[in-house]
Each structure stands twice: as structure tokens, then as C-alpha cells.
Amino acid sequence: MTIRAVVFDVGECLVDETREYGTWADWLGVPRHTFAAMFGAVIAQGRDYREVFQEFRPGFDLYEQREARAAAGRPEHFDESDLYADVRPALAKLRADGLWLGIAGNQTVRAGGILRGLFSGDVDLIGTSDDWGASKPDPEFFVRVAAVVPFAPEEILYVGDRVDNDLRPGKQARMRTALVRRGPWATIQWNSEEARTLPTFRVESLAELPGRISEFNSPGR
């Protein structure tokens, strides 16, 4: 089957989260370098990234603290300046090639609103875990993705930066997958067995996707 739809993860796929995690370090009163080091250690150990917060503040509730930040006038935020440089050109080329495009990730209602403000004119769908009541790597998240994309799962390419949240459950949902090498997860997981064998494509930049998809879709490949 050919690839007819491309669905993108958000954090460290479209959005560089350096600023956002830096503001969490500030909120915790922890040096940003120290927070980043602990973040990498937790990922390398295969633990949930939310455990990073527990290391500095036991009992930390991420949902409650998001609300507290918002109440203090310091809500989660990202904008055009936080997008990776290859995002806009890649979306434009994929759209010109006739592919159906979507964005779907583990995001809050607030983040979903920001995404719609940034991308509503560029993609066919924007969905979040808060919208659907299911978060990656829960298989139900990918069931929801498949339900809203007007093509068979085998015709969907899900693009992300994580083996555990993106590649593994995406493949189990019968989708094609692409691993983009950036951000802490992809950097740490890049040379793992699953990172080498699970994805349909491994790319250094989203700019590679149009060509890779075109080659994949070519008759007699």
C-alpha cells in the first residue's frame, strides 16, 4: 500500500521544547542545566519523563502545577519561534504532493488551541490526547487517529521522535512510522535495536520526508 496520509507528533517533532522545559526548571527553582541532565538520565533509564519532577519535588502533580502556573500568569506556551526550521517547508511540500496531513500528540487543551492557531491552514486535522481522552502509548490513541484519517491504517505514516510512544504503538496499529532524530528521546534511543528496525523511515530532518515518501510510493520500488 502507498502512503496517503502523514500524521505528526508535536513535541520534538514539530515543536522544539527547549524553552518549555526550561520554564519548568525555573518553576521548580532548579538550574536548567541540572534539570536537563536529570531529564536525560530518566529517559536513558527507560522511565516516564514525569518522574523527573518527582526527583526534585516528591509528590509533584503535573496537572495541578500546570494550573498553578497558569494562575500565576506563567502558562505553558510555544509559538512560531519554537517550531523547528524544517516544519513549514516540509508541510508545504507534502501538501503540494497531495498528501492528507494531520497533527496528533499528547497535548493539553491549551496546547491544542495554540496548535490550531499555528497550523489550521496547513493540515487537515489537529487532535490531542485531551481531546480524545487517550494518551500515547495507549493503543486507543492510535485507534482515534485511525478513526479520523480517511485512509486505511497501512496508508498512514505517523512521524515522531520516540520509540516507546510513537514507533512501537504506531506499528502495532498497522501504521507506517518515521523516526526523526532530534530532541532528547530520539538522541538517546537512536542506536537502539527498535529504533533501527521498527520505523519505515529514519530521518535527520522532516525535509527528507517528501522524497522518502515519493520513493516509497513509486511503482516497482
N, C-alpha and C. Protein backbone atom coordinates (compact mmCIF):
# COMPACT_ATOMS: atom_id res chain seq x y z
N MET A 1 0.83 -1.20 0.00
CA MET A 1 0.00 0.00 0.00
C MET A 1 0.87 1.25 0.00
N THR A 2 0.38 2.29 -0.64
CA THR A 2 1.10 3.55 -0.65
C THR A 2 0.76 4.36 0.59
N ILE A 3 1.61 5.34 0.88
CA ILE A 3 1.34 6.27 1.97
C ILE A 3 0.51 7.42 1.43
N ARG A 4 -0.65 7.64 2.03
CA ARG A 4 -1.56 8.68 1.55
C ARG A 4 -1.81 9.76 2.60
N ALA A 5 -1.42 9.49 3.84
CA ALA A 5 -1.61 10.46 4.93
C ALA A 5 -0.38 10.48 5.81
N VAL A 6 -0.02 11.66 6.30
CA VAL A 6 1.10 11.81 7.23
C VAL A 6 0.58 12.53 8.47
N VAL A 7 0.79 11.91 9.62
CA VAL A 7 0.34 12.49 10.89
C VAL A 7 1.57 12.71 11.76
N PHE A 8 1.68 13.92 12.30
CA PHE A 8 2.86 14.30 13.06
C PHE A 8 2.60 14.36 14.56
N ASP A 9 3.55 13.86 15.32
CA ASP A 9 3.63 14.13 16.75
C ASP A 9 3.95 15.62 16.90
N VAL A 10 3.89 16.12 18.13
CA VAL A 10 4.11 17.55 18.36
C VAL A 10 5.48 17.85 18.96
N GLY A 11 5.66 17.51 20.25
CA GLY A 11 6.90 17.84 20.94
C GLY A 11 8.10 17.14 20.35
N GLU A 12 9.13 17.88 20.04
CA GLU A 12 10.39 17.42 19.47
C GLU A 12 10.21 16.77 18.10
N CYS A 13 9.06 17.01 17.50
CA CYS A 13 8.84 16.64 16.09
C CYS A 13 8.58 17.92 15.32
N LEU A 14 7.54 18.65 15.74
CA LEU A 14 7.26 19.96 15.17
C LEU A 14 7.80 21.09 16.05
N VAL A 15 7.67 20.90 17.36
CA VAL A 15 7.98 21.96 18.33
C VAL A 15 9.23 21.63 19.12
N ASP A 16 10.18 22.53 19.11
CA ASP A 16 11.38 22.44 19.96
C ASP A 16 10.96 22.82 21.38
N GLU A 17 11.04 21.87 22.32
CA GLU A 17 10.53 22.09 23.66
C GLU A 17 11.58 22.63 24.63
N THR A 18 12.69 23.10 24.12
CA THR A 18 13.76 23.61 24.98
C THR A 18 13.25 24.71 25.90
N ARG A 19 12.51 25.66 25.36
CA ARG A 19 12.02 26.77 26.18
C ARG A 19 11.03 26.27 27.23
N GLU A 20 10.12 25.39 26.82
CA GLU A 20 9.10 24.90 27.75
C GLU A 20 9.71 24.17 28.94
N TYR A 21 10.65 23.28 28.69
CA TYR A 21 11.26 22.56 29.81
C TYR A 21 12.15 23.49 30.64
N GLY A 22 12.71 24.49 30.00
CA GLY A 22 13.46 25.48 30.76
C GLY A 22 12.58 26.22 31.75
N THR A 23 11.35 26.53 31.33
CA THR A 23 10.44 27.23 32.24
C THR A 23 9.98 26.32 33.38
N TRP A 24 9.94 25.00 33.13
CA TRP A 24 9.62 24.09 34.23
C TRP A 24 10.76 24.05 35.25
N ALA A 25 11.99 24.08 34.77
CA ALA A 25 13.13 24.14 35.69
C ALA A 25 13.05 25.41 36.54
N ASP A 26 12.71 26.51 35.90
CA ASP A 26 12.57 27.77 36.63
C ASP A 26 11.45 27.67 37.67
N TRP A 27 10.36 27.06 37.30
CA TRP A 27 9.22 26.92 38.21
C TRP A 27 9.60 26.08 39.44
N LEU A 28 10.43 25.07 39.20
CA LEU A 28 10.88 24.22 40.31
C LEU A 28 12.01 24.86 41.11
N GLY A 29 12.60 25.92 40.58
CA GLY A 29 13.73 26.54 41.25
C GLY A 29 15.01 25.74 41.11
N VAL A 30 15.13 25.04 39.96
CA VAL A 30 16.28 24.17 39.71
C VAL A 30 17.08 24.75 38.55
N PRO A 31 18.41 24.74 38.61
CA PRO A 31 19.18 25.21 37.46
C PRO A 31 18.80 24.44 36.20
N ARG A 32 18.67 25.13 35.09
CA ARG A 32 18.23 24.48 33.85
C ARG A 32 19.15 23.35 33.42
N HIS A 33 20.45 23.54 33.61
CA HIS A 33 21.41 22.50 33.23
C HIS A 33 21.18 21.24 34.07
N THR A 34 20.93 21.41 35.34
CA THR A 34 20.69 20.28 36.24
C THR A 34 19.40 19.56 35.85
N PHE A 35 18.36 20.34 35.58
CA PHE A 35 17.08 19.75 35.17
C PHE A 35 17.26 18.94 33.89
N ALA A 36 17.99 19.50 32.91
CA ALA A 36 18.21 18.82 31.63
C ALA A 36 19.00 17.53 31.83
N ALA A 37 19.98 17.55 32.72
CA ALA A 37 20.78 16.35 32.97
C ALA A 37 19.92 15.25 33.57
N MET A 38 19.06 15.61 34.53
CA MET A 38 18.18 14.62 35.14
C MET A 38 17.16 14.11 34.12
N PHE A 39 16.69 14.99 33.27
CA PHE A 39 15.74 14.61 32.22
C PHE A 39 16.35 13.52 31.34
N GLY A 40 17.58 13.75 30.91
CA GLY A 40 18.26 12.77 30.06
C GLY A 40 18.49 11.46 30.77
N ALA A 41 18.83 11.54 32.06
CA ALA A 41 19.07 10.31 32.82
C ALA A 41 17.81 9.48 32.95
N VAL A 42 16.69 10.13 33.22
CA VAL A 42 15.42 9.43 33.36
C VAL A 42 15.03 8.75 32.06
N ILE A 43 15.20 9.43 30.93
CA ILE A 43 14.88 8.85 29.63
C ILE A 43 15.79 7.66 29.34
N ALA A 44 17.09 7.83 29.61
CA ALA A 44 18.05 6.76 29.34
C ALA A 44 17.74 5.51 30.16
N GLN A 45 17.14 5.69 31.32
CA GLN A 45 16.77 4.57 32.19
C GLN A 45 15.43 3.94 31.79
N GLY A 46 14.80 4.50 30.75
CA GLY A 46 13.53 3.96 30.30
C GLY A 46 12.35 4.31 31.18
N ARG A 47 12.50 5.34 31.98
CA ARG A 47 11.43 5.75 32.89
C ARG A 47 10.55 6.81 32.25
N ASP A 48 9.37 7.02 32.83
CA ASP A 48 8.45 8.06 32.37
C ASP A 48 9.07 9.42 32.66
N TYR A 49 9.03 10.32 31.66
CA TYR A 49 9.68 11.63 31.84
C TYR A 49 9.11 12.40 33.02
N ARG A 50 7.85 12.13 33.40
CA ARG A 50 7.24 12.85 34.51
C ARG A 50 7.92 12.55 35.84
N GLU A 51 8.69 11.45 35.87
CA GLU A 51 9.44 11.14 37.08
C GLU A 51 10.55 12.15 37.35
N VAL A 52 10.94 12.90 36.32
CA VAL A 52 11.95 13.95 36.51
C VAL A 52 11.49 14.92 37.59
N PHE A 53 10.23 15.30 37.54
CA PHE A 53 9.70 16.27 38.50
C PHE A 53 9.72 15.71 39.92
N GLN A 54 9.48 14.39 40.04
CA GLN A 54 9.49 13.76 41.35
C GLN A 54 10.87 13.78 41.98
N GLU A 55 11.89 13.74 41.13
CA GLU A 55 13.27 13.77 41.65
C GLU A 55 13.56 15.07 42.39
N PHE A 56 12.95 16.14 41.94
CA PHE A 56 13.19 17.44 42.55
C PHE A 56 12.12 17.83 43.57
N ARG A 57 10.90 17.32 43.37
CA ARG A 57 9.82 17.65 44.28
C ARG A 57 8.89 16.44 44.42
N PRO A 58 9.18 15.55 45.37
CA PRO A 58 8.34 14.36 45.55
C PRO A 58 6.87 14.75 45.75
N GLY A 59 6.00 13.99 45.10
CA GLY A 59 4.58 14.27 45.18
C GLY A 59 4.10 15.29 44.16
N PHE A 60 4.99 15.73 43.29
CA PHE A 60 4.66 16.73 42.27
C PHE A 60 3.53 16.22 41.38
N ASP A 61 2.49 17.02 41.22
CA ASP A 61 1.36 16.68 40.35
C ASP A 61 1.42 17.60 39.13
N LEU A 62 1.74 17.04 37.97
CA LEU A 62 1.96 17.87 36.78
C LEU A 62 0.71 18.63 36.39
N TYR A 63 -0.46 17.98 36.47
CA TYR A 63 -1.70 18.65 36.11
C TYR A 63 -1.96 19.84 37.04
N GLU A 64 -1.83 19.62 38.33
CA GLU A 64 -2.07 20.71 39.29
C GLU A 64 -1.08 21.85 39.09
N GLN A 65 0.16 21.49 38.80
CA GLN A 65 1.18 22.53 38.64
C GLN A 65 1.00 23.31 37.33
N ARG A 66 0.46 22.65 36.30
CA ARG A 66 0.13 23.40 35.08
C ARG A 66 -0.93 24.46 35.40
N GLU A 67 -1.91 24.07 36.19
CA GLU A 67 -2.96 25.02 36.58
C GLU A 67 -2.38 26.14 37.43
N ALA A 68 -1.47 25.78 38.33
CA ALA A 68 -0.85 26.79 39.19
C ALA A 68 -0.02 27.77 38.37
N ARG A 69 0.69 27.26 37.39
CA ARG A 69 1.46 28.16 36.51
C ARG A 69 0.55 29.12 35.76
N ALA A 70 -0.55 28.57 35.25
CA ALA A 70 -1.49 29.43 34.51
C ALA A 70 -2.06 30.51 35.42
N ALA A 71 -2.40 30.13 36.66
CA ALA A 71 -2.96 31.08 37.61
C ALA A 71 -1.95 32.16 37.97
N ALA A 72 -0.66 31.78 37.90
CA ALA A 72 0.40 32.73 38.23
C ALA A 72 0.83 33.56 37.01
N GLY A 73 0.12 33.38 35.90
CA GLY A 73 0.46 34.12 34.68
C GLY A 73 1.65 33.56 33.94
N ARG A 74 1.96 32.28 34.19
CA ARG A 74 3.11 31.64 33.53
C ARG A 74 2.69 30.30 32.91
N PRO A 75 1.67 30.31 32.05
CA PRO A 75 1.16 29.06 31.48
C PRO A 75 2.12 28.47 30.46
N GLU A 76 1.89 27.19 30.14
CA GLU A 76 2.68 26.58 29.06
C GLU A 76 2.46 27.40 27.80
N HIS A 77 3.52 27.53 27.02
CA HIS A 77 3.42 28.39 25.84
C HIS A 77 4.46 27.98 24.81
N PHE A 78 4.06 28.01 23.56
CA PHE A 78 5.00 27.92 22.45
C PHE A 78 4.40 28.71 21.30
N ASP A 79 5.25 29.13 20.40
CA ASP A 79 4.78 29.91 19.26
C ASP A 79 5.64 29.63 18.04
N GLU A 80 5.48 30.45 17.02
CA GLU A 80 6.19 30.24 15.76
C GLU A 80 7.70 30.11 15.96
N SER A 81 8.24 30.86 16.91
CA SER A 81 9.69 30.83 17.13
C SER A 81 10.18 29.50 17.70
N ASP A 82 9.27 28.67 18.21
CA ASP A 82 9.65 27.38 18.78
C ASP A 82 9.54 26.24 17.77
N LEU A 83 9.04 26.51 16.58
CA LEU A 83 8.94 25.46 15.57
C LEU A 83 10.32 25.18 14.98
N TYR A 84 10.58 23.92 14.71
CA TYR A 84 11.82 23.59 14.01
C TYR A 84 11.78 24.19 12.61
N ALA A 85 12.95 24.57 12.11
CA ALA A 85 13.03 25.31 10.85
C ALA A 85 12.51 24.53 9.65
N ASP A 86 12.52 23.21 9.72
CA ASP A 86 12.09 22.41 8.58
C ASP A 86 10.59 22.16 8.53
N VAL A 87 9.85 22.58 9.56
CA VAL A 87 8.43 22.24 9.67
C VAL A 87 7.59 22.85 8.55
N ARG A 88 7.63 24.15 8.40
CA ARG A 88 6.80 24.82 7.39
C ARG A 88 7.12 24.33 5.97
N PRO A 89 8.40 24.28 5.57
CA PRO A 89 8.69 23.80 4.21
C PRO A 89 8.25 22.36 3.99
N ALA A 90 8.41 21.50 5.00
CA ALA A 90 8.02 20.10 4.84
C ALA A 90 6.51 19.97 4.68
N LEU A 91 5.75 20.68 5.50
CA LEU A 91 4.29 20.63 5.38
C LEU A 91 3.84 21.12 4.02
N ALA A 92 4.44 22.21 3.56
CA ALA A 92 4.05 22.78 2.26
C ALA A 92 4.34 21.79 1.13
N LYS A 93 5.48 21.13 1.18
CA LYS A 93 5.84 20.18 0.11
C LYS A 93 4.95 18.95 0.16
N LEU A 94 4.68 18.44 1.34
CA LEU A 94 3.81 17.27 1.47
C LEU A 94 2.39 17.59 0.99
N ARG A 95 1.93 18.79 1.31
CA ARG A 95 0.60 19.22 0.85
C ARG A 95 0.59 19.34 -0.68
N ALA A 96 1.65 19.91 -1.24
CA ALA A 96 1.74 20.04 -2.69
C ALA A 96 1.79 18.68 -3.38
N ASP A 97 2.31 17.69 -2.69
CA ASP A 97 2.38 16.33 -3.23
C ASP A 97 1.05 15.59 -3.12
N GLY A 98 0.04 16.25 -2.53
CA GLY A 98 -1.29 15.67 -2.46
C GLY A 98 -1.55 14.78 -1.27
N LEU A 99 -0.71 14.85 -0.24
CA LEU A 99 -0.89 14.01 0.93
C LEU A 99 -1.85 14.67 1.92
N TRP A 100 -2.63 13.85 2.60
CA TRP A 100 -3.51 14.28 3.68
C TRP A 100 -2.62 14.45 4.92
N LEU A 101 -2.78 15.57 5.65
CA LEU A 101 -1.88 15.87 6.77
C LEU A 101 -2.64 16.04 8.07
N GLY A 102 -2.04 15.55 9.15
CA GLY A 102 -2.62 15.71 10.47
C GLY A 102 -1.56 15.93 11.53
N ILE A 103 -1.99 16.45 12.67
CA ILE A 103 -1.13 16.61 13.85
C ILE A 103 -1.86 15.97 15.00
N ALA A 104 -1.20 15.07 15.71
CA ALA A 104 -1.83 14.38 16.84
C ALA A 104 -0.77 14.00 17.86
N GLY A 105 -0.91 14.52 19.08
CA GLY A 105 0.09 14.22 20.11
C GLY A 105 -0.50 14.30 21.50
N ASN A 106 0.32 13.99 22.47
CA ASN A 106 -0.07 14.08 23.87
C ASN A 106 0.01 15.54 24.30
N GLN A 107 -1.10 16.24 24.14
CA GLN A 107 -1.11 17.67 24.42
C GLN A 107 -2.34 18.05 25.23
N THR A 108 -2.21 19.14 25.96
CA THR A 108 -3.31 19.66 26.75
C THR A 108 -4.30 20.43 25.87
N VAL A 109 -5.43 20.78 26.46
CA VAL A 109 -6.41 21.60 25.75
C VAL A 109 -5.78 22.92 25.33
N ARG A 110 -5.01 23.53 26.24
CA ARG A 110 -4.37 24.81 25.92
C ARG A 110 -3.40 24.65 24.74
N ALA A 111 -2.59 23.61 24.78
CA ALA A 111 -1.64 23.39 23.69
C ALA A 111 -2.38 23.13 22.38
N GLY A 112 -3.51 22.42 22.46
CA GLY A 112 -4.31 22.19 21.27
C GLY A 112 -4.77 23.49 20.65
N GLY A 113 -5.15 24.44 21.48
CA GLY A 113 -5.55 25.74 20.98
C GLY A 113 -4.41 26.47 20.30
N ILE A 114 -3.23 26.38 20.87
CA ILE A 114 -2.05 27.01 20.25
C ILE A 114 -1.76 26.37 18.90
N LEU A 115 -1.84 25.03 18.85
CA LEU A 115 -1.58 24.32 17.60
C LEU A 115 -2.56 24.73 16.51
N ARG A 116 -3.81 24.88 16.89
CA ARG A 116 -4.81 25.28 15.89
C ARG A 116 -4.54 26.69 15.37
N GLY A 117 -4.06 27.55 16.25
CA GLY A 117 -3.70 28.89 15.80
C GLY A 117 -2.52 28.90 14.85
N LEU A 118 -1.60 27.96 15.04
CA LEU A 118 -0.40 27.90 14.21
C LEU A 118 -0.61 27.14 12.90
N PHE A 119 -1.43 26.09 12.93
CA PHE A 119 -1.45 25.15 11.81
C PHE A 119 -2.79 24.91 11.14
N SER A 120 -3.85 25.57 11.55
CA SER A 120 -5.16 25.26 10.98
C SER A 120 -5.21 25.37 9.46
N GLY A 121 -4.42 26.26 8.90
CA GLY A 121 -4.42 26.41 7.45
C GLY A 121 -3.48 25.48 6.72
N ASP A 122 -2.75 24.65 7.50
CA ASP A 122 -1.70 23.82 6.89
C ASP A 122 -2.01 22.34 6.90
N VAL A 123 -2.92 21.90 7.77
CA VAL A 123 -3.19 20.48 7.92
C VAL A 123 -4.70 20.23 7.90
N ASP A 124 -5.07 18.97 7.75
CA ASP A 124 -6.48 18.59 7.67
C ASP A 124 -7.08 18.29 9.04
N LEU A 125 -6.25 17.98 10.02
CA LEU A 125 -6.74 17.63 11.35
C LEU A 125 -5.72 17.96 12.41
N ILE A 126 -6.20 18.46 13.54
CA ILE A 126 -5.37 18.62 14.73
C ILE A 126 -6.11 17.96 15.88
N GLY A 127 -5.51 16.94 16.48
CA GLY A 127 -6.12 16.23 17.60
C GLY A 127 -5.14 16.09 18.75
N THR A 128 -5.64 16.08 19.98
CA THR A 128 -4.77 15.93 21.14
C THR A 128 -5.30 14.84 22.07
N SER A 129 -4.43 14.39 22.95
CA SER A 129 -4.82 13.39 23.92
C SER A 129 -5.94 13.90 24.82
N ASP A 130 -5.93 15.17 25.14
CA ASP A 130 -7.02 15.73 25.95
C ASP A 130 -8.33 15.73 25.18
N ASP A 131 -8.27 15.96 23.88
CA ASP A 131 -9.48 15.91 23.06
C ASP A 131 -10.09 14.51 23.07
N TRP A 132 -9.23 13.50 23.01
CA TRP A 132 -9.67 12.13 22.79
C TRP A 132 -9.77 11.30 24.07
N GLY A 133 -9.22 11.80 25.18
CA GLY A 133 -9.25 11.03 26.41
C GLY A 133 -8.37 9.80 26.36
N ALA A 134 -7.33 9.84 25.55
CA ALA A 134 -6.38 8.73 25.44
C ALA A 134 -5.02 9.30 25.12
N SER A 135 -4.00 8.82 25.82
CA SER A 135 -2.64 9.33 25.64
C SER A 135 -1.71 8.23 25.15
N LYS A 136 -0.80 8.59 24.27
CA LYS A 136 0.24 7.64 23.87
C LYS A 136 1.04 7.22 25.10
N PRO A 137 1.43 5.97 25.17
CA PRO A 137 1.38 4.92 24.14
C PRO A 137 0.13 4.04 24.18
N ASP A 138 -0.92 4.47 24.86
CA ASP A 138 -2.17 3.71 24.88
C ASP A 138 -2.62 3.42 23.45
N PRO A 139 -2.87 2.15 23.09
CA PRO A 139 -3.32 1.82 21.74
C PRO A 139 -4.57 2.60 21.32
N GLU A 140 -5.39 3.00 22.30
CA GLU A 140 -6.62 3.72 21.98
C GLU A 140 -6.32 5.04 21.29
N PHE A 141 -5.18 5.66 21.61
CA PHE A 141 -4.80 6.91 20.95
C PHE A 141 -4.71 6.68 19.44
N PHE A 142 -4.08 5.60 19.04
CA PHE A 142 -3.90 5.32 17.62
C PHE A 142 -5.19 4.82 16.97
N VAL A 143 -6.06 4.22 17.76
CA VAL A 143 -7.40 3.90 17.26
C VAL A 143 -8.12 5.18 16.89
N ARG A 144 -7.98 6.21 17.75
CA ARG A 144 -8.62 7.50 17.47
C ARG A 144 -8.01 8.16 16.23
N VAL A 145 -6.70 8.06 16.09
CA VAL A 145 -6.06 8.61 14.89
C VAL A 145 -6.61 7.93 13.65
N ALA A 146 -6.64 6.60 13.67
CA ALA A 146 -7.11 5.85 12.51
C ALA A 146 -8.57 6.18 12.19
N ALA A 147 -9.35 6.48 13.22
CA ALA A 147 -10.78 6.75 13.01
C ALA A 147 -11.02 8.08 12.29
N VAL A 148 -10.10 9.04 12.46
CA VAL A 148 -10.32 10.35 11.86
C VAL A 148 -9.57 10.57 10.55
N VAL A 149 -8.64 9.68 10.24
CA VAL A 149 -7.92 9.78 8.97
C VAL A 149 -8.71 8.98 7.92
N PRO A 150 -9.00 9.56 6.76
CA PRO A 150 -9.85 8.90 5.78
C PRO A 150 -9.15 7.86 4.92
N PHE A 151 -8.19 7.16 5.50
CA PHE A 151 -7.47 6.11 4.78
C PHE A 151 -7.21 4.94 5.72
N ALA A 152 -6.83 3.82 5.16
CA ALA A 152 -6.53 2.64 5.97
C ALA A 152 -5.29 2.90 6.83
N PRO A 153 -5.19 2.24 8.00
CA PRO A 153 -4.00 2.43 8.84
C PRO A 153 -2.69 2.21 8.09
N GLU A 154 -2.67 1.22 7.18
CA GLU A 154 -1.45 0.93 6.43
C GLU A 154 -1.06 2.06 5.48
N GLU A 155 -1.98 2.99 5.24
CA GLU A 155 -1.70 4.12 4.35
C GLU A 155 -1.33 5.38 5.12
N ILE A 156 -1.22 5.25 6.45
CA ILE A 156 -0.88 6.38 7.32
C ILE A 156 0.57 6.27 7.76
N LEU A 157 1.31 7.36 7.66
CA LEU A 157 2.66 7.44 8.21
C LEU A 157 2.60 8.31 9.46
N TYR A 158 2.94 7.73 10.62
CA TYR A 158 2.99 8.52 11.85
C TYR A 158 4.44 8.89 12.12
N VAL A 159 4.68 10.19 12.28
CA VAL A 159 6.03 10.71 12.43
C VAL A 159 6.25 11.18 13.87
N GLY A 160 7.29 10.67 14.52
CA GLY A 160 7.55 11.06 15.89
C GLY A 160 9.01 10.93 16.25
N ASP A 161 9.31 11.21 17.51
CA ASP A 161 10.70 11.21 17.99
C ASP A 161 10.96 10.14 19.04
N ARG A 162 9.96 9.29 19.31
CA ARG A 162 10.12 8.32 20.39
C ARG A 162 9.80 6.91 19.96
N VAL A 163 10.66 5.98 20.34
CA VAL A 163 10.39 4.57 20.10
C VAL A 163 9.18 4.12 20.90
N ASP A 164 9.15 4.47 22.18
CA ASP A 164 8.13 3.95 23.09
C ASP A 164 6.75 4.55 22.84
N ASN A 165 6.67 5.83 22.56
CA ASN A 165 5.37 6.49 22.39
C ASN A 165 4.87 6.52 20.96
N ASP A 166 5.77 6.46 19.99
CA ASP A 166 5.41 6.68 18.59
C ASP A 166 5.58 5.44 17.71
N LEU A 167 6.79 4.92 17.66
CA LEU A 167 7.07 3.81 16.74
C LEU A 167 6.38 2.52 17.14
N ARG A 168 6.58 2.12 18.39
CA ARG A 168 6.06 0.83 18.84
C ARG A 168 4.53 0.77 18.74
N PRO A 169 3.80 1.72 19.36
CA PRO A 169 2.33 1.63 19.25
C PRO A 169 1.83 1.95 17.85
N GLY A 170 2.55 2.80 17.11
CA GLY A 170 2.14 3.09 15.74
C GLY A 170 2.21 1.85 14.88
N LYS A 171 3.28 1.09 15.00
CA LYS A 171 3.40 -0.14 14.22
C LYS A 171 2.36 -1.17 14.65
N GLN A 172 2.10 -1.25 15.95
CA GLN A 172 1.08 -2.18 16.44
C GLN A 172 -0.30 -1.83 15.88
N ALA A 173 -0.49 -0.53 15.57
CA ALA A 173 -1.76 -0.08 14.97
C ALA A 173 -1.75 -0.26 13.45
N ARG A 174 -0.69 -0.89 12.91
CA ARG A 174 -0.55 -1.22 11.49
C ARG A 174 -0.21 0.01 10.64
N MET A 175 0.24 1.07 11.28
CA MET A 175 0.65 2.26 10.55
C MET A 175 2.12 2.17 10.17
N ARG A 176 2.49 2.91 9.13
CA ARG A 176 3.91 3.13 8.85
C ARG A 176 4.41 4.16 9.88
N THR A 177 5.69 4.16 10.15
CA THR A 177 6.23 5.13 11.11
C THR A 177 7.54 5.73 10.59
N ALA A 178 7.82 6.94 11.07
CA ALA A 178 9.09 7.59 10.77
C ALA A 178 9.66 8.15 12.07
N LEU A 179 10.94 7.93 12.28
CA LEU A 179 11.64 8.45 13.45
C LEU A 179 12.51 9.62 13.02
N VAL A 180 12.28 10.79 13.62
CA VAL A 180 13.09 11.96 13.31
C VAL A 180 14.11 12.14 14.43
N ARG A 181 15.34 12.32 14.07
CA ARG A 181 16.44 12.34 15.04
C ARG A 181 16.66 13.74 15.60
N ARG A 182 15.91 14.05 16.63
CA ARG A 182 16.14 15.29 17.37
C ARG A 182 15.40 15.20 18.70
N GLY A 183 15.80 16.09 19.62
CA GLY A 183 15.22 16.04 20.95
C GLY A 183 15.88 14.95 21.78
N PRO A 184 15.63 14.95 23.09
CA PRO A 184 16.31 14.00 23.98
C PRO A 184 15.98 12.54 23.72
N TRP A 185 14.70 12.23 23.43
CA TRP A 185 14.34 10.82 23.25
C TRP A 185 15.02 10.21 22.03
N ALA A 186 14.87 10.84 20.88
CA ALA A 186 15.46 10.28 19.67
C ALA A 186 16.99 10.23 19.77
N THR A 187 17.58 11.22 20.39
CA THR A 187 19.03 11.24 20.54
C THR A 187 19.51 10.06 21.37
N ILE A 188 18.80 9.77 22.45
CA ILE A 188 19.18 8.67 23.34
C ILE A 188 18.81 7.32 22.75
N GLN A 189 17.68 7.24 22.07
CA GLN A 189 17.18 5.95 21.58
C GLN A 189 17.66 5.59 20.17
N TRP A 190 18.30 6.50 19.47
CA TRP A 190 18.59 6.37 18.05
C TRP A 190 19.29 5.06 17.67
N ASN A 191 20.23 4.62 18.49
CA ASN A 191 21.00 3.42 18.15
C ASN A 191 20.47 2.15 18.79
N SER A 192 19.28 2.23 19.37
CA SER A 192 18.69 1.03 19.95
C SER A 192 18.18 0.11 18.84
N GLU A 193 17.98 -1.16 19.18
CA GLU A 193 17.52 -2.13 18.20
C GLU A 193 16.17 -1.72 17.60
N GLU A 194 15.23 -1.30 18.44
CA GLU A 194 13.91 -0.92 17.94
C GLU A 194 13.97 0.32 17.06
N ALA A 195 14.83 1.27 17.42
CA ALA A 195 14.94 2.49 16.61
C ALA A 195 15.50 2.18 15.22
N ARG A 196 16.28 1.11 15.12
CA ARG A 196 16.84 0.72 13.82
C ARG A 196 15.88 -0.13 13.00
N THR A 197 15.02 -0.91 13.67
CA THR A 197 14.21 -1.89 12.94
C THR A 197 12.73 -1.56 12.82
N LEU A 198 12.17 -0.78 13.73
CA LEU A 198 10.73 -0.53 13.70
C LEU A 198 10.28 0.46 12.63
N PRO A 199 10.96 1.61 12.48
CA PRO A 199 10.41 2.64 11.58
C PRO A 199 10.53 2.29 10.10
N THR A 200 9.57 2.78 9.35
CA THR A 200 9.64 2.69 7.89
C THR A 200 10.76 3.59 7.38
N PHE A 201 10.90 4.77 8.01
CA PHE A 201 11.96 5.72 7.66
C PHE A 201 12.65 6.20 8.93
N ARG A 202 13.94 6.45 8.83
CA ARG A 202 14.70 7.17 9.84
C ARG A 202 15.24 8.42 9.17
N VAL A 203 14.92 9.57 9.71
CA VAL A 203 15.32 10.82 9.04
C VAL A 203 16.00 11.77 10.02
N GLU A 204 16.89 12.56 9.49
CA GLU A 204 17.57 13.58 10.28
C GLU A 204 16.76 14.88 10.29
N SER A 205 15.88 15.03 9.31
CA SER A 205 15.09 16.24 9.16
C SER A 205 13.77 15.90 8.50
N LEU A 206 12.73 16.68 8.81
CA LEU A 206 11.44 16.50 8.14
C LEU A 206 11.54 16.81 6.66
N ALA A 207 12.57 17.55 6.27
CA ALA A 207 12.76 17.88 4.86
C ALA A 207 13.00 16.63 4.01
N GLU A 208 13.42 15.55 4.64
CA GLU A 208 13.66 14.30 3.91
C GLU A 208 12.37 13.56 3.58
N LEU A 209 11.29 13.84 4.32
CA LEU A 209 10.08 13.03 4.18
C LEU A 209 9.45 13.05 2.79
N PRO A 210 9.27 14.21 2.14
CA PRO A 210 8.63 14.17 0.82
C PRO A 210 9.34 13.23 -0.15
N GLY A 211 10.65 13.30 -0.20
CA GLY A 211 11.40 12.44 -1.11
C GLY A 211 11.31 10.97 -0.72
N ARG A 212 11.39 10.70 0.57
CA ARG A 212 11.32 9.31 1.03
C ARG A 212 9.94 8.72 0.75
N ILE A 213 8.90 9.51 0.96
CA ILE A 213 7.54 9.02 0.70
C ILE A 213 7.33 8.80 -0.79
N SER A 214 7.80 9.73 -1.59
CA SER A 214 7.67 9.60 -3.04
C SER A 214 8.36 8.34 -3.54
N GLU A 215 9.54 8.07 -3.01
CA GLU A 215 10.28 6.86 -3.39
C GLU A 215 9.53 5.61 -2.94
N PHE A 216 9.00 5.66 -1.72
CA PHE A 216 8.24 4.52 -1.16
C PHE A 216 7.02 4.23 -2.02
N ASN A 217 6.36 5.29 -2.51
CA ASN A 217 5.12 5.14 -3.27
C ASN A 217 5.35 4.81 -4.74
N SER A 218 6.59 4.85 -5.18
CA SER A 218 6.88 4.62 -6.60
C SER A 218 6.58 3.18 -6.99
N PRO A 219 5.95 2.96 -8.11
CA PRO A 219 5.68 1.61 -8.58
C PRO A 219 6.98 0.81 -8.75
N GLY A 220 6.95 -0.43 -8.35
CA GLY A 220 8.12 -1.29 -8.54
C GLY A 220 9.27 -0.99 -7.64
N ARG A 221 9.02 -0.29 -6.50
CA ARG A 221 10.14 0.04 -5.60
C ARG A 221 10.80 -1.23 -5.08
